[in-house]
Protein backbone atom coordinates (compact mmCIF):
# COMPACT_ATOMS: atom_id res chain seq x y z
CA MET A 1 79.85 121.82 122.48
CA ARG A 2 79.54 120.33 125.93
CA LYS A 3 78.39 122.53 128.75
CA ARG A 4 80.91 122.39 131.59
CA VAL A 5 79.97 123.37 135.12
CA ALA A 6 83.33 124.14 136.71
CA THR A 7 83.89 124.67 140.40
CA LEU A 8 85.53 127.75 141.86
CA SER A 9 88.67 125.73 142.57
CA LEU A 10 89.00 124.85 138.89
CA PHE A 11 88.64 128.46 137.83
CA ALA A 12 91.25 129.38 140.40
CA LEU A 13 93.66 126.73 139.09
CA ALA A 14 93.13 127.80 135.49
CA ALA A 15 93.55 131.44 136.45
CA CYS A 16 96.75 130.64 138.31
CA THR A 17 98.10 128.88 135.21
CA ALA A 18 97.16 131.84 133.04
CA THR A 19 98.77 134.32 135.42
CA SER A 20 102.01 132.36 135.59
CA GLN A 21 102.29 132.41 131.80
CA GLY A 22 100.99 135.90 131.23
CA GLY A 23 97.84 134.92 129.36
CA ALA A 24 95.21 132.25 128.83
CA PRO A 25 95.78 128.70 130.12
CA SER A 26 98.23 126.88 127.89
CA ALA A 27 97.45 123.72 125.95
CA ALA A 28 99.60 121.91 128.53
CA ASP A 29 97.23 122.81 131.37
CA PRO A 30 95.85 119.43 132.56
CA VAL A 31 92.60 121.02 133.70
CA ALA A 32 91.98 122.58 130.28
CA GLN A 33 92.91 119.32 128.56
CA HIS A 34 90.67 117.20 130.75
CA ALA A 35 87.72 119.61 130.60
CA ARG A 36 87.23 118.82 126.91
CA LEU A 37 86.56 115.13 127.59
CA LEU A 38 83.55 113.11 128.71
CA THR A 39 84.90 111.17 131.67
CA LEU A 40 83.31 108.10 133.30
CA ASP A 41 84.40 105.62 135.96
CA THR A 42 82.99 102.10 135.74
CA HIS A 43 83.18 101.18 139.42
CA LEU A 44 82.20 103.60 142.20
CA ASP A 45 81.72 102.01 145.63
CA THR A 46 80.52 105.39 146.91
CA PRO A 47 77.00 104.12 147.85
CA ILE A 48 78.63 102.84 151.04
CA HIS A 49 78.47 106.48 152.17
CA PHE A 50 74.98 107.35 150.99
CA ASP A 51 73.21 106.49 154.26
CA ARG A 52 75.86 107.99 156.56
CA GLU A 53 74.50 110.46 159.09
CA GLY A 54 75.79 113.93 158.24
CA TRP A 55 77.20 112.96 154.81
CA ARG A 56 75.89 114.76 151.72
CA PHE A 57 76.58 113.82 148.13
CA ASP A 58 76.41 117.43 146.94
CA ALA A 59 79.17 118.55 149.33
CA THR A 60 82.94 118.41 148.87
CA HIS A 61 84.39 115.99 151.41
CA SER A 62 87.94 114.71 151.80
CA PHE A 63 89.49 111.31 152.29
CA ALA A 64 91.50 112.67 155.21
CA ALA A 65 88.39 113.85 157.02
CA ASP A 66 85.87 111.08 156.37
CA LEU A 67 87.46 108.34 154.16
CA SER A 68 85.31 109.14 151.12
CA GLN A 69 86.89 109.56 147.69
CA VAL A 70 83.92 110.56 145.52
CA ASP A 71 81.16 113.13 145.92
CA GLY A 72 79.41 115.68 143.76
CA GLY A 73 81.84 118.43 144.62
CA ARG A 74 84.91 116.42 143.76
CA MET A 75 83.30 114.97 140.64
CA LYS A 76 83.07 118.54 139.40
CA ALA A 77 86.59 119.39 140.60
CA GLY A 78 88.11 116.27 139.04
CA MET A 79 85.78 116.57 136.07
CA LEU A 80 84.42 113.06 136.49
CA ASP A 81 81.19 113.33 134.53
CA GLY A 82 79.58 110.19 135.86
CA GLY A 83 80.00 106.51 136.45
CA PHE A 84 78.57 103.22 137.61
CA PHE A 85 77.48 103.35 141.24
CA VAL A 86 77.81 99.87 142.67
CA VAL A 87 75.30 97.60 144.38
CA TYR A 88 77.93 95.58 146.24
CA THR A 89 77.02 92.62 148.44
CA GLU A 90 79.55 90.74 150.54
CA GLN A 91 79.85 87.04 149.77
CA GLY A 92 77.98 84.88 152.25
CA PRO A 93 76.83 81.28 152.66
CA LEU A 94 75.22 79.49 149.72
CA THR A 95 72.04 78.82 151.65
CA GLU A 96 68.42 79.88 151.36
CA LYS A 97 68.83 82.29 154.29
CA GLY A 98 72.12 83.60 152.93
CA TYR A 99 70.49 84.37 149.59
CA ALA A 100 67.45 86.01 151.21
CA ASP A 101 69.57 88.24 153.45
CA ALA A 102 71.79 89.22 150.55
CA LEU A 103 68.83 90.05 148.31
CA ALA A 104 67.34 92.30 150.99
CA PHE A 105 70.69 94.08 151.35
CA ALA A 106 71.11 94.52 147.59
CA ARG A 107 67.62 95.94 147.22
CA LYS A 108 68.33 98.39 150.04
CA ARG A 109 71.63 99.48 148.48
CA SER A 110 69.98 99.93 145.08
CA ASP A 111 67.26 102.04 146.66
CA ALA A 112 69.89 104.16 148.43
CA ILE A 113 71.48 104.98 145.08
CA ASP A 114 68.10 105.97 143.64
CA ARG A 115 67.23 108.05 146.69
CA THR A 116 70.54 109.91 146.67
CA VAL A 117 70.44 110.67 142.95
CA ALA A 118 66.83 111.87 143.23
CA ALA A 119 67.76 114.23 146.08
CA TYR A 120 70.02 116.35 143.84
CA PRO A 121 68.24 116.72 140.49
CA ALA A 122 70.19 119.83 139.48
CA LEU A 123 73.50 117.99 140.00
CA ILE A 124 73.00 114.39 138.86
CA ALA A 125 70.47 112.21 137.08
CA PRO A 126 69.98 108.52 136.31
CA ALA A 127 71.53 107.12 133.13
CA LEU A 128 70.44 103.94 131.37
CA THR A 129 72.02 104.20 127.92
CA ALA A 130 75.13 105.51 126.23
CA ALA A 131 73.03 108.32 124.78
CA ASP A 132 71.96 109.32 128.30
CA ALA A 133 75.57 109.95 129.31
CA THR A 134 76.11 112.29 126.37
CA ARG A 135 72.78 114.05 126.88
CA LEU A 136 73.35 114.65 130.60
CA ASN A 137 76.90 115.85 130.00
CA ARG A 138 75.64 118.43 127.51
CA ALA A 139 73.08 119.55 130.10
CA GLY A 140 75.81 120.03 132.70
CA LYS A 141 74.65 117.14 134.87
CA LEU A 142 76.48 114.12 136.25
CA ALA A 143 75.38 110.71 134.93
CA ALA A 144 74.52 107.98 137.44
CA PHE A 145 74.63 104.47 136.04
CA LYS A 146 74.12 101.45 138.32
CA SER A 147 75.95 98.13 138.45
CA ILE A 148 76.01 94.96 140.54
CA GLU A 149 79.21 93.66 142.09
CA ASN A 150 78.56 90.03 142.99
CA SER A 151 75.38 88.38 141.74
CA TYR A 152 75.19 86.28 144.90
CA PRO A 153 71.97 88.08 146.03
CA LEU A 154 70.10 86.54 143.09
CA GLY A 155 70.24 83.16 144.80
CA GLU A 156 69.32 80.50 142.27
CA ASP A 157 66.80 82.68 140.42
CA VAL A 158 68.42 84.37 137.42
CA SER A 159 65.10 86.00 136.58
CA LEU A 160 65.84 88.44 139.44
CA LEU A 161 68.25 90.09 137.03
CA GLY A 162 65.12 91.47 135.39
CA GLU A 163 64.08 93.16 138.64
CA PHE A 164 67.43 94.92 138.90
CA TYR A 165 67.36 95.81 135.21
CA ARG A 166 64.04 97.55 135.85
CA LYS A 167 65.71 99.33 138.76
CA GLY A 168 68.25 100.74 136.31
CA VAL A 169 71.17 98.31 136.62
CA ARG A 170 73.08 98.00 133.34
CA MET A 171 76.21 96.09 134.36
CA ALA A 172 76.80 93.08 136.62
CA GLY A 173 79.51 90.64 137.58
CA PRO A 174 78.80 87.06 138.62
CA VAL A 175 81.19 86.78 141.55
CA HIS A 176 83.30 88.63 144.13
CA SER A 177 85.92 87.43 146.60
CA GLY A 178 84.71 83.85 147.04
CA ASP A 179 83.29 81.14 144.80
CA ASN A 180 79.50 81.34 144.67
CA GLN A 181 76.57 79.61 143.00
CA PHE A 182 77.41 81.17 139.61
CA ALA A 183 81.17 81.00 139.23
CA ASP A 184 84.64 80.64 140.63
CA SER A 185 86.29 83.74 142.01
CA ALA A 186 89.86 84.83 141.27
CA THR A 187 90.49 84.52 145.02
CA GLY A 188 88.33 81.46 145.65
CA LYS A 189 89.22 77.77 145.88
CA GLY A 190 87.77 76.73 142.52
CA LYS A 191 84.41 75.02 142.94
CA TRP A 192 83.21 74.83 139.33
CA GLY A 193 86.19 75.06 137.03
CA GLY A 194 84.80 78.41 135.83
CA LEU A 195 81.06 78.97 135.46
CA SER A 196 78.52 76.67 137.08
CA PRO A 197 75.52 75.46 135.05
CA LEU A 198 73.54 78.23 136.76
CA GLY A 199 76.28 80.68 135.82
CA LYS A 200 75.89 79.79 132.16
CA ARG A 201 72.18 80.55 132.47
CA TRP A 202 73.16 83.84 134.12
CA VAL A 203 75.24 84.73 131.03
CA ALA A 204 72.31 83.99 128.72
CA GLU A 205 69.96 86.13 130.82
CA MET A 206 72.45 89.01 130.93
CA ASN A 207 72.67 88.90 127.14
CA ARG A 208 68.90 88.68 126.78
CA LEU A 209 68.36 91.74 128.95
CA GLY A 210 71.18 93.75 127.39
CA MET A 211 73.30 94.11 130.53
CA VAL A 212 77.08 94.42 130.30
CA ILE A 213 78.92 91.42 131.75
CA ASP A 214 81.67 92.41 134.17
CA ALA A 215 84.49 89.87 134.56
CA SER A 216 86.40 91.64 137.35
CA HIS A 217 86.91 89.29 140.33
CA SER A 218 86.41 86.25 138.08
CA SER A 219 88.91 83.40 137.98
CA ASP A 220 90.86 82.86 134.78
CA ALA A 221 88.57 79.95 133.83
CA THR A 222 85.47 82.02 134.58
CA PHE A 223 86.83 84.87 132.46
CA ASP A 224 87.56 82.50 129.58
CA GLN A 225 84.02 81.11 129.65
CA LEU A 226 82.36 84.53 130.00
CA LEU A 227 84.31 85.70 126.97
CA GLU A 228 83.37 82.59 125.00
CA LEU A 229 79.69 82.42 125.90
CA SER A 230 78.67 86.07 125.77
CA ARG A 231 77.19 87.17 122.45
CA TYR A 232 78.30 90.73 123.16
CA PRO A 233 81.53 92.39 124.32
CA ILE A 234 82.32 92.13 128.02
CA ILE A 235 84.22 94.43 130.38
CA LEU A 236 86.48 94.25 133.39
CA SER A 237 85.14 97.16 135.40
CA HIS A 238 88.07 97.50 137.83
CA SER A 239 91.08 95.26 137.31
CA SER A 240 94.86 95.55 137.14
CA LEU A 241 97.55 93.88 135.06
CA ARG A 242 99.22 90.69 136.26
CA SER A 243 102.46 91.98 134.75
CA ALA A 244 102.30 94.80 137.31
CA ASN A 245 101.77 92.36 140.18
CA ASP A 246 101.39 88.59 139.88
CA HIS A 247 98.11 88.26 141.75
CA PRO A 248 95.12 86.12 140.68
CA ARG A 249 92.84 89.17 140.93
CA ASN A 250 94.77 90.71 138.00
CA LEU A 251 94.48 89.91 134.28
CA ASP A 252 97.34 88.52 132.23
CA GLN A 253 98.34 90.05 128.92
CA VAL A 254 97.32 87.03 126.82
CA ARG A 255 93.76 87.31 128.12
CA LEU A 256 93.81 91.08 127.66
CA ARG A 257 94.54 90.54 123.96
CA LYS A 258 91.71 87.99 123.73
CA LEU A 259 89.36 90.47 125.42
CA ALA A 260 90.32 93.13 122.87
CA ALA A 261 89.88 90.71 119.97
CA LYS A 262 86.23 90.24 120.99
CA GLY A 263 85.56 93.96 121.36
CA GLY A 264 85.75 94.19 125.15
CA ALA A 265 87.70 96.52 127.42
CA MET A 266 89.60 96.44 130.69
CA CYS A 267 89.19 99.37 133.05
CA ILE A 268 92.50 99.87 134.85
CA SER A 269 92.30 100.08 138.63
CA THR A 270 94.59 101.30 141.40
CA ILE A 271 94.34 98.10 143.45
CA PHE A 272 96.60 95.04 143.60
CA LEU A 273 99.48 96.83 141.91
CA SER A 274 101.32 95.42 144.90
CA ASP A 275 100.43 92.87 147.52
CA MET A 276 97.90 94.24 149.99
CA ASN A 277 99.36 95.12 153.38
CA MET A 278 96.40 93.75 155.32
CA THR A 279 97.64 93.78 158.90
CA LYS A 280 95.39 92.89 161.82
CA GLU A 281 94.84 96.57 162.54
CA ARG A 282 94.03 97.33 158.91
CA ALA A 283 91.55 94.44 158.77
CA GLU A 284 89.83 95.76 161.89
CA LEU A 285 89.50 99.21 160.34
CA PHE A 286 88.17 97.75 157.09
CA GLY A 287 85.54 95.85 159.06
CA ALA A 288 84.41 99.08 160.68
CA TYR A 289 84.49 100.89 157.33
CA GLU A 290 82.09 98.33 155.84
CA ARG A 291 79.61 99.41 158.54
CA ILE A 292 80.38 103.12 158.36
CA ALA A 293 76.80 104.08 157.48
CA THR A 294 75.62 102.60 160.78
CA LEU A 295 78.10 104.60 162.90
CA PRO A 296 77.22 107.92 164.56
CA PRO A 297 79.27 110.91 163.37
CA ALA A 298 81.67 110.81 166.31
CA GLN A 299 82.58 107.19 165.59
CA GLN A 300 82.89 107.94 161.87
CA ALA A 301 85.39 110.70 162.70
CA ASP A 302 87.31 108.40 165.04
CA LEU A 303 87.52 105.73 162.34
CA ALA A 304 88.92 108.28 159.87
CA ARG A 305 91.45 109.47 162.45
CA ARG A 306 92.66 105.93 163.16
CA TRP A 307 92.82 105.12 159.43
CA GLN A 308 94.92 108.19 158.68
CA ALA A 309 97.23 107.45 161.61
CA LEU A 310 97.82 103.95 160.27
CA ASP A 311 98.47 105.32 156.76
CA ARG A 312 101.15 107.58 158.19
CA ARG A 313 102.89 104.56 159.70
CA GLU A 314 102.40 102.19 156.77
CA GLN A 315 100.66 102.27 153.41
CA MET A 316 98.11 99.65 152.35
CA TRP A 317 99.57 99.51 148.82
CA ASN A 318 103.22 99.76 147.81
CA ALA A 319 102.26 101.73 144.70
CA ASN A 320 101.84 105.31 143.57
CA PHE A 321 100.60 107.42 140.66
CA GLU A 322 103.59 106.43 138.55
CA THR A 323 102.75 102.74 139.06
CA VAL A 324 99.20 103.37 137.86
CA MET A 325 100.39 105.29 134.81
CA ALA A 326 102.92 102.61 133.90
CA GLN A 327 100.23 99.93 133.76
CA ILE A 328 97.79 102.18 131.89
CA LEU A 329 100.38 102.78 129.20
CA ARG A 330 101.32 99.09 129.11
CA ALA A 331 97.69 98.01 128.81
CA ILE A 332 97.18 100.40 125.88
CA GLU A 333 100.33 99.03 124.25
CA VAL A 334 99.05 95.45 124.61
CA ALA A 335 95.34 95.88 123.80
CA GLY A 336 95.14 99.15 121.89
CA ILE A 337 93.46 102.39 122.90
CA ASP A 338 90.03 101.01 121.89
CA HIS A 339 90.11 98.41 124.66
CA VAL A 340 91.35 100.17 127.81
CA CYS A 341 89.40 102.33 130.25
CA PHE A 342 89.66 103.44 133.90
CA ALA A 343 88.14 102.76 137.31
CA GLY A 344 90.07 103.53 140.47
CA ASP A 345 87.96 101.33 142.78
CA TRP A 346 87.20 104.53 144.66
CA ASP A 347 85.61 104.06 148.09
CA GLY A 348 86.33 100.34 147.83
CA GLY A 349 90.00 100.16 148.73
CA GLY A 350 91.46 102.05 145.80
CA GLY A 351 93.75 105.03 145.78
CA VAL A 352 97.53 105.25 146.01
CA VAL A 353 100.10 107.89 146.89
CA GLY A 354 99.64 110.78 144.47
CA MET A 355 96.20 109.55 143.47
CA GLN A 356 94.05 109.47 146.58
CA ASP A 357 90.74 110.52 145.06
CA ILE A 358 89.10 111.58 141.81
CA THR A 359 90.59 115.07 141.81
CA ALA A 360 93.76 113.42 140.41
CA LEU A 361 92.10 112.43 137.12
CA PRO A 362 93.34 115.43 135.09
CA LYS A 363 96.90 114.29 135.84
CA VAL A 364 96.19 111.06 133.95
CA THR A 365 94.97 113.01 130.93
CA ALA A 366 98.08 115.18 131.02
CA ARG A 367 100.33 112.13 131.02
CA LEU A 368 98.43 110.51 128.14
CA LYS A 369 98.76 113.74 126.17
CA ALA A 370 102.48 113.80 126.93
CA ALA A 371 102.71 110.22 125.65
CA GLY A 372 101.33 111.40 122.31
CA TYR A 373 97.67 110.41 122.49
CA SER A 374 95.08 112.68 120.90
CA ASP A 375 91.97 114.04 122.61
CA ALA A 376 89.91 111.56 120.58
CA ASP A 377 92.03 108.65 121.80
CA ILE A 378 91.97 109.82 125.40
CA GLU A 379 88.20 110.23 125.31
CA LYS A 380 87.96 106.60 124.22
CA PHE A 381 89.91 105.73 127.37
CA TRP A 382 87.72 107.85 129.64
CA SER A 383 84.30 107.02 128.20
CA GLY A 384 84.13 106.06 124.55
CA ASN A 385 85.10 102.43 124.98
CA VAL A 386 82.67 101.93 127.86
CA LEU A 387 79.79 103.59 126.00
CA ARG A 388 80.55 101.54 122.88
CA ILE A 389 80.29 98.33 124.90
CA LEU A 390 77.12 99.50 126.61
CA ALA A 391 75.54 100.36 123.25
CA ALA A 392 76.57 96.98 121.79
CA GLN A 393 74.35 95.05 124.23
CA LYS A 394 71.28 94.25 122.16
CA GLY A 395 68.88 93.06 124.81
């Protein structure tokens, strides 16, 4: 049986439920339901906070106070047992200097993940394999996988994937918001008609190393070619359904079925369930947020205050928890429970009304239970499908 390290707030919630019903927590208690499951998230942008002055991973922060959505305290409270911490690099020019600058940044971000995880050995530990996630969960520790969002920092040298593999990276996507040297982006102009020749070499190297290919942010043509060329199942680490919102960043249902037919999975996100309300003020705040680790504490606090004030006037997404649940249930209907997973895009623009951070995860489990899914099925959604895909990479 798994060892669960519950926070005081969880005991208080369970006790409150028991008191209200005159006994032990009922089977309908979402905390009790969720506590039985191994829960992972495939896309955590939380490393953006790791070098912030005054910010600690082992503390319990709040989005209202400092704009963070994930930390050790809330992972315990929301019973998120681990996930893939992201080495994200903004898309830049396809030049020698652009590649060199991006590689230096990616190495620094990767090192920040390692340094943060190493600082809290009683709380969290590195994970490289599916077995590691299970082992750490039984030991009461959080599992820290690593992934790459945007392979742009590799420049034109796919052998650099080996360096990041040795640094613990086990998942990577070729592209982000703009077309790059490897592939066309879902939000790019379409440079290659899918993968470039270098991108096809990237696929072969990913397969050789045994790294999971992540098709989130890829154009439709790029997705099609990744699915065709990869010898092993691929994943979409944080994507939404196009039926929920007709946006190129989202996946259509025909492609979701094709993904399932080849053993892959789509991890449902909270982003692009509506058009993004990116006003001039919001864009300015996002620009500052991207640099939040360089800001002194007073400026960090001012940024959070301005962000919250804007949220009170207007929301970034016209979506809520019910919108997220509707697309989760639809995705399962289309692809089957063996091919759907979850990633909120926390700390990277995700979160909607009623689901602002990871403490909301037990509500998802409760709704899946109410829809008739068993614990075994729900655990596939939270971790089993991801771990199956990770284990299928031969390397």
